[in-house]
Amino acid sequence: MDELAQHLARRAKALGLSSADVQDTDPEQLCAFAEAVLEELAARGYLAGQEEIGCWAAPRSSGN
């Protein structure tokens, strides 16, 4: 099993998700899992995702 599959399996288990009872699963749990999947795919470059935060540091003043 590759790294992504292992990570997603751990997330699903942590949320108490199972493919056997998807119809009876809390929609918030499914949404949280879907969000985790999309974030992981975006982090790997497979989907568009949020922009990186970047560096907000200001340059040092030259007077010091």
PDB file of N, CA and C in Angstrom:
ATOM      1  N   MET A   1       0.851  -1.174   0.000  1.00  0.00           N
ATOM      2  CA  MET A   1       0.000   0.000   0.000  1.00  0.00           C
ATOM      3  C   MET A   1       0.899   1.241   0.000  1.00  0.00           C
ATOM      4  N   ASP A   2       0.598   2.186  -0.862  1.00  0.00           N
ATOM      5  CA  ASP A   2       1.434   3.385  -0.925  1.00  0.00           C
ATOM      6  C   ASP A   2       1.135   4.340   0.231  1.00  0.00           C
ATOM      7  N   GLU A   3       1.958   5.361   0.352  1.00  0.00           N
ATOM      8  CA  GLU A   3       1.877   6.310   1.465  1.00  0.00           C
ATOM      9  C   GLU A   3       0.523   7.020   1.526  1.00  0.00           C
ATOM     10  N   LEU A   4       0.024   7.459   0.379  1.00  0.00           N
ATOM     11  CA  LEU A   4      -1.261   8.163   0.348  1.00  0.00           C
ATOM     12  C   LEU A   4      -2.390   7.255   0.821  1.00  0.00           C
ATOM     13  N   ALA A   5      -2.421   6.036   0.327  1.00  0.00           N
ATOM     14  CA  ALA A   5      -3.466   5.097   0.729  1.00  0.00           C
ATOM     15  C   ALA A   5      -3.413   4.822   2.230  1.00  0.00           C
ATOM     16  N   GLN A   6      -2.222   4.654   2.774  1.00  0.00           N
ATOM     17  CA  GLN A   6      -2.083   4.420   4.209  1.00  0.00           C
ATOM     18  C   GLN A   6      -2.577   5.619   5.011  1.00  0.00           C
ATOM     19  N   HIS A   7      -2.205   6.810   4.564  1.00  0.00           N
ATOM     20  CA  HIS A   7      -2.633   8.025   5.254  1.00  0.00           C
ATOM     21  C   HIS A   7      -4.156   8.154   5.237  1.00  0.00           C
ATOM     22  N   LEU A   8      -4.757   7.932   4.079  1.00  0.00           N
ATOM     23  CA  LEU A   8      -6.209   8.046   3.975  1.00  0.00           C
ATOM     24  C   LEU A   8      -6.921   6.965   4.775  1.00  0.00           C
ATOM     25  N   ALA A   9      -6.362   5.775   4.816  1.00  0.00           N
ATOM     26  CA  ALA A   9      -6.954   4.698   5.619  1.00  0.00           C
ATOM     27  C   ALA A   9      -6.928   5.061   7.102  1.00  0.00           C
ATOM     28  N   ARG A  10      -5.809   5.649   7.567  1.00  0.00           N
ATOM     29  CA  ARG A  10      -5.734   6.083   8.970  1.00  0.00           C
ATOM     30  C   ARG A  10      -6.774   7.158   9.263  1.00  0.00           C
ATOM     31  N   ARG A  11      -6.934   8.110   8.341  1.00  0.00           N
ATOM     32  CA  ARG A  11      -7.929   9.173   8.537  1.00  0.00           C
ATOM     33  C   ARG A  11      -9.336   8.595   8.603  1.00  0.00           C
ATOM     34  N   ALA A  12      -9.640   7.655   7.704  1.00  0.00           N
ATOM     35  CA  ALA A  12     -10.961   7.033   7.696  1.00  0.00           C
ATOM     36  C   ALA A  12     -11.219   6.291   9.009  1.00  0.00           C
ATOM     37  N   LYS A  13     -10.230   5.553   9.481  1.00  0.00           N
ATOM     38  CA  LYS A  13     -10.383   4.827  10.744  1.00  0.00           C
ATOM     39  C   LYS A  13     -10.564   5.781  11.910  1.00  0.00           C
ATOM     40  N   ALA A  14      -9.807   6.882  11.913  1.00  0.00           N
ATOM     41  CA  ALA A  14      -9.920   7.865  12.994  1.00  0.00           C
ATOM     42  C   ALA A  14     -11.311   8.495  13.035  1.00  0.00           C
ATOM     43  N   LEU A  15     -11.928   8.635  11.867  1.00  0.00           N
ATOM     44  CA  LEU A  15     -13.274   9.201  11.793  1.00  0.00           C
ATOM     45  C   LEU A  15     -14.357   8.140  11.983  1.00  0.00           C
ATOM     46  N   GLY A  16     -13.953   6.883  12.097  1.00  0.00           N
ATOM     47  CA  GLY A  16     -14.916   5.799  12.269  1.00  0.00           C
ATOM     48  C   GLY A  16     -15.654   5.445  10.992  1.00  0.00           C
ATOM     49  N   LEU A  17     -15.020   5.673   9.857  1.00  0.00           N
ATOM     50  CA  LEU A  17     -15.662   5.413   8.568  1.00  0.00           C
ATOM     51  C   LEU A  17     -15.380   3.995   8.082  1.00  0.00           C
ATOM     52  N   SER A  18     -16.340   3.461   7.365  1.00  0.00           N
ATOM     53  CA  SER A  18     -16.206   2.140   6.772  1.00  0.00           C
ATOM     54  C   SER A  18     -17.006   2.117   5.487  1.00  0.00           C
ATOM     55  N   SER A  19     -16.523   1.410   4.489  1.00  0.00           N
ATOM     56  CA  SER A  19     -17.258   1.330   3.224  1.00  0.00           C
ATOM     57  C   SER A  19     -18.536   0.500   3.366  1.00  0.00           C
ATOM     58  N   ALA A  20     -18.619  -0.271   4.436  1.00  0.00           N
ATOM     59  CA  ALA A  20     -19.786  -1.129   4.635  1.00  0.00           C
ATOM     60  C   ALA A  20     -21.032  -0.348   5.049  1.00  0.00           C
ATOM     61  N   ASP A  21     -20.851   0.822   5.677  1.00  0.00           N
ATOM     62  CA  ASP A  21     -22.015   1.558   6.175  1.00  0.00           C
ATOM     63  C   ASP A  21     -21.997   3.039   5.789  1.00  0.00           C
ATOM     64  N   VAL A  22     -21.574   3.319   4.580  1.00  0.00           N
ATOM     65  CA  VAL A  22     -21.476   4.712   4.129  1.00  0.00           C
ATOM     66  C   VAL A  22     -22.840   5.403   4.177  1.00  0.00           C
ATOM     67  N   GLN A  23     -23.888   4.701   3.837  1.00  0.00           N
ATOM     68  CA  GLN A  23     -25.231   5.306   3.810  1.00  0.00           C
ATOM     69  C   GLN A  23     -25.675   5.798   5.184  1.00  0.00           C
ATOM     70  N   ASP A  24     -25.168   5.176   6.242  1.00  0.00           N
ATOM     71  CA  ASP A  24     -25.587   5.531   7.602  1.00  0.00           C
ATOM     72  C   ASP A  24     -24.574   6.426   8.318  1.00  0.00           C
ATOM     73  N   THR A  25     -23.543   6.870   7.609  1.00  0.00           N
ATOM     74  CA  THR A  25     -22.481   7.663   8.216  1.00  0.00           C
ATOM     75  C   THR A  25     -22.899   9.112   8.356  1.00  0.00           C
ATOM     76  N   ASP A  26     -22.444   9.735   9.438  1.00  0.00           N
ATOM     77  CA  ASP A  26     -22.704  11.145   9.679  1.00  0.00           C
ATOM     78  C   ASP A  26     -22.133  11.972   8.525  1.00  0.00           C
ATOM     79  N   PRO A  27     -22.936  12.837   7.924  1.00  0.00           N
ATOM     80  CA  PRO A  27     -22.450  13.651   6.803  1.00  0.00           C
ATOM     81  C   PRO A  27     -21.234  14.513   7.157  1.00  0.00           C
ATOM     82  N   GLU A  28     -21.130  14.968   8.395  1.00  0.00           N
ATOM     83  CA  GLU A  28     -19.967  15.769   8.795  1.00  0.00           C
ATOM     84  C   GLU A  28     -18.687  14.946   8.755  1.00  0.00           C
ATOM     85  N   GLN A  29     -18.772  13.667   9.119  1.00  0.00           N
ATOM     86  CA  GLN A  29     -17.599  12.791   9.050  1.00  0.00           C
ATOM     87  C   GLN A  29     -17.178  12.574   7.597  1.00  0.00           C
ATOM     88  N   LEU A  30     -18.152  12.363   6.733  1.00  0.00           N
ATOM     89  CA  LEU A  30     -17.831  12.180   5.317  1.00  0.00           C
ATOM     90  C   LEU A  30     -17.237  13.449   4.724  1.00  0.00           C
ATOM     91  N   CYS A  31     -17.761  14.593   5.125  1.00  0.00           N
ATOM     92  CA  CYS A  31     -17.234  15.864   4.636  1.00  0.00           C
ATOM     93  C   CYS A  31     -15.788  16.064   5.110  1.00  0.00           C
ATOM     94  N   ALA A  32     -15.518  15.736   6.366  1.00  0.00           N
ATOM     95  CA  ALA A  32     -14.159  15.862   6.900  1.00  0.00           C
ATOM     96  C   ALA A  32     -13.203  14.955   6.139  1.00  0.00           C
ATOM     97  N   PHE A  33     -13.640  13.752   5.809  1.00  0.00           N
ATOM     98  CA  PHE A  33     -12.789  12.831   5.063  1.00  0.00           C
ATOM     99  C   PHE A  33     -12.573  13.333   3.632  1.00  0.00           C
ATOM    100  N   ALA A  34     -13.640  13.810   3.006  1.00  0.00           N
ATOM    101  CA  ALA A  34     -13.513  14.327   1.648  1.00  0.00           C
ATOM    102  C   ALA A  34     -12.551  15.512   1.623  1.00  0.00           C
ATOM    103  N   GLU A  35     -12.617  16.364   2.626  1.00  0.00           N
ATOM    104  CA  GLU A  35     -11.710  17.504   2.712  1.00  0.00           C
ATOM    105  C   GLU A  35     -10.264  17.035   2.846  1.00  0.00           C
ATOM    106  N   ALA A  36     -10.040  16.015   3.671  1.00  0.00           N
ATOM    107  CA  ALA A  36      -8.687  15.472   3.848  1.00  0.00           C
ATOM    108  C   ALA A  36      -8.166  14.885   2.537  1.00  0.00           C
ATOM    109  N   VAL A  37      -9.023  14.197   1.814  1.00  0.00           N
ATOM    110  CA  VAL A  37      -8.620  13.608   0.526  1.00  0.00           C
ATOM    111  C   VAL A  37      -8.238  14.710  -0.457  1.00  0.00           C
ATOM    112  N   LEU A  38      -9.076  15.742  -0.550  1.00  0.00           N
ATOM    113  CA  LEU A  38      -8.794  16.826  -1.485  1.00  0.00           C
ATOM    114  C   LEU A  38      -7.523  17.578  -1.115  1.00  0.00           C
ATOM    115  N   GLU A  39      -7.295  17.797   0.180  1.00  0.00           N
ATOM    116  CA  GLU A  39      -6.069  18.467   0.620  1.00  0.00           C
ATOM    117  C   GLU A  39      -4.832  17.649   0.253  1.00  0.00           C
ATOM    118  N   GLU A  40      -4.905  16.339   0.451  1.00  0.00           N
ATOM    119  CA  GLU A  40      -3.768  15.482   0.125  1.00  0.00           C
ATOM    120  C   GLU A  40      -3.499  15.461  -1.375  1.00  0.00           C
ATOM    121  N   LEU A  41      -4.557  15.404  -2.172  1.00  0.00           N
ATOM    122  CA  LEU A  41      -4.378  15.405  -3.626  1.00  0.00           C
ATOM    123  C   LEU A  41      -3.795  16.736  -4.102  1.00  0.00           C
ATOM    124  N   ALA A  42      -4.247  17.829  -3.509  1.00  0.00           N
ATOM    125  CA  ALA A  42      -3.708  19.141  -3.870  1.00  0.00           C
ATOM    126  C   ALA A  42      -2.246  19.254  -3.437  1.00  0.00           C
ATOM    127  N   ALA A  43      -1.921  18.728  -2.265  1.00  0.00           N
ATOM    128  CA  ALA A  43      -0.542  18.791  -1.774  1.00  0.00           C
ATOM    129  C   ALA A  43       0.402  18.016  -2.686  1.00  0.00           C
ATOM    130  N   ARG A  44      -0.114  16.999  -3.346  1.00  0.00           N
ATOM    131  CA  ARG A  44       0.706  16.201  -4.257  1.00  0.00           C
ATOM    132  C   ARG A  44       0.672  16.723  -5.689  1.00  0.00           C
ATOM    133  N   GLY A  45      -0.059  17.819  -5.906  1.00  0.00           N
ATOM    134  CA  GLY A  45      -0.106  18.439  -7.223  1.00  0.00           C
ATOM    135  C   GLY A  45      -1.098  17.834  -8.190  1.00  0.00           C
ATOM    136  N   TYR A  46      -1.986  16.964  -7.716  1.00  0.00           N
ATOM    137  CA  TYR A  46      -2.961  16.334  -8.597  1.00  0.00           C
ATOM    138  C   TYR A  46      -4.183  17.210  -8.831  1.00  0.00           C
ATOM    139  N   LEU A  47      -4.463  18.128  -7.902  1.00  0.00           N
ATOM    140  CA  LEU A  47      -5.591  19.050  -8.001  1.00  0.00           C
ATOM    141  C   LEU A  47      -5.118  20.448  -7.643  1.00  0.00           C
ATOM    142  N   ALA A  48      -5.885  21.444  -8.080  1.00  0.00           N
ATOM    143  CA  ALA A  48      -5.586  22.809  -7.644  1.00  0.00           C
ATOM    144  C   ALA A  48      -5.955  22.918  -6.167  1.00  0.00           C
ATOM    145  N   GLY A  49      -5.153  23.674  -5.439  1.00  0.00           N
ATOM    146  CA  GLY A  49      -5.415  23.844  -4.016  1.00  0.00           C
ATOM    147  C   GLY A  49      -5.201  25.280  -3.610  1.00  0.00           C
ATOM    148  N   GLN A  50      -5.220  25.513  -2.318  1.00  0.00           N
ATOM    149  CA  GLN A  50      -4.991  26.846  -1.799  1.00  0.00           C
ATOM    150  C   GLN A  50      -3.558  27.266  -2.089  1.00  0.00           C
ATOM    151  N   GLU A  51      -3.382  28.559  -2.225  1.00  0.00           N
ATOM    152  CA  GLU A  51      -2.047  29.095  -2.433  1.00  0.00           C
ATOM    153  C   GLU A  51      -1.213  28.889  -1.178  1.00  0.00           C
ATOM    154  N   GLU A  52       0.074  28.774  -1.354  1.00  0.00           N
ATOM    155  CA  GLU A  52       0.960  28.644  -0.208  1.00  0.00           C
ATOM    156  C   GLU A  52       0.977  29.954   0.568  1.00  0.00           C
ATOM    157  N   ILE A  53       1.190  29.854   1.857  1.00  0.00           N
ATOM    158  CA  ILE A  53       1.182  31.028   2.719  1.00  0.00           C
ATOM    159  C   ILE A  53       2.303  31.979   2.348  1.00  0.00           C
ATOM    160  N   GLY A  54       3.472  31.479   2.107  1.00  0.00           N
ATOM    161  CA  GLY A  54       4.596  32.321   1.733  1.00  0.00           C
ATOM    162  C   GLY A  54       5.232  32.982   2.942  1.00  0.00           C
ATOM    163  N   CYS A  55       6.157  33.834   2.689  1.00  0.00           N
ATOM    164  CA  CYS A  55       6.896  34.500   3.752  1.00  0.00           C
ATOM    165  C   CYS A  55       6.409  35.933   3.882  1.00  0.00           C
ATOM    166  N   TRP A  56       6.003  36.295   5.080  1.00  0.00           N
ATOM    167  CA  TRP A  56       5.488  37.636   5.334  1.00  0.00           C
ATOM    168  C   TRP A  56       6.504  38.483   6.088  1.00  0.00           C
ATOM    169  N   ALA A  57       7.703  38.008   6.210  1.00  0.00           N
ATOM    170  CA  ALA A  57       8.718  38.749   6.961  1.00  0.00           C
ATOM    171  C   ALA A  57       9.127  39.993   6.182  1.00  0.00           C
ATOM    172  N   ALA A  58       9.329  41.071   6.912  1.00  0.00           N
ATOM    173  CA  ALA A  58       9.770  42.319   6.291  1.00  0.00           C
ATOM    174  C   ALA A  58      11.283  42.351   6.280  1.00  0.00           C
ATOM    175  N   PRO A  59      11.875  43.023   5.300  1.00  0.00           N
ATOM    176  CA  PRO A  59      13.333  43.126   5.289  1.00  0.00           C
ATOM    177  C   PRO A  59      13.823  43.931   6.493  1.00  0.00           C
ATOM    178  N   ARG A  60      14.993  43.588   6.964  1.00  0.00           N
ATOM    179  CA  ARG A  60      15.580  44.306   8.109  1.00  0.00           C
ATOM    180  C   ARG A  60      16.000  45.712   7.681  1.00  0.00           C
ATOM    181  N   SER A  61      15.905  46.615   8.616  1.00  0.00           N
ATOM    182  CA  SER A  61      16.341  47.986   8.307  1.00  0.00           C
ATOM    183  C   SER A  61      17.861  48.017   8.270  1.00  0.00           C
ATOM    184  N   SER A  62      18.405  48.849   7.436  1.00  0.00           N
ATOM    185  CA  SER A  62      19.863  48.919   7.308  1.00  0.00           C
ATOM    186  C   SER A  62      20.495  49.793   8.397  1.00  0.00           C
ATOM    187  N   GLY A  63      19.702  50.445   9.234  1.00  0.00           N
ATOM    188  CA  GLY A  63      20.227  51.338  10.255  1.00  0.00           C
ATOM    189  C   GLY A  63      20.749  50.639  11.497  1.00  0.00           C
ATOM    190  N   ASN A  64      20.579  49.353  11.611  1.00  0.00           N
ATOM    191  CA  ASN A  64      21.019  48.653  12.834  1.00  0.00           C
ATOM    192  C   ASN A  64      22.443  48.228  12.741  1.00  0.00           C
TER     193      ASN A  64
END
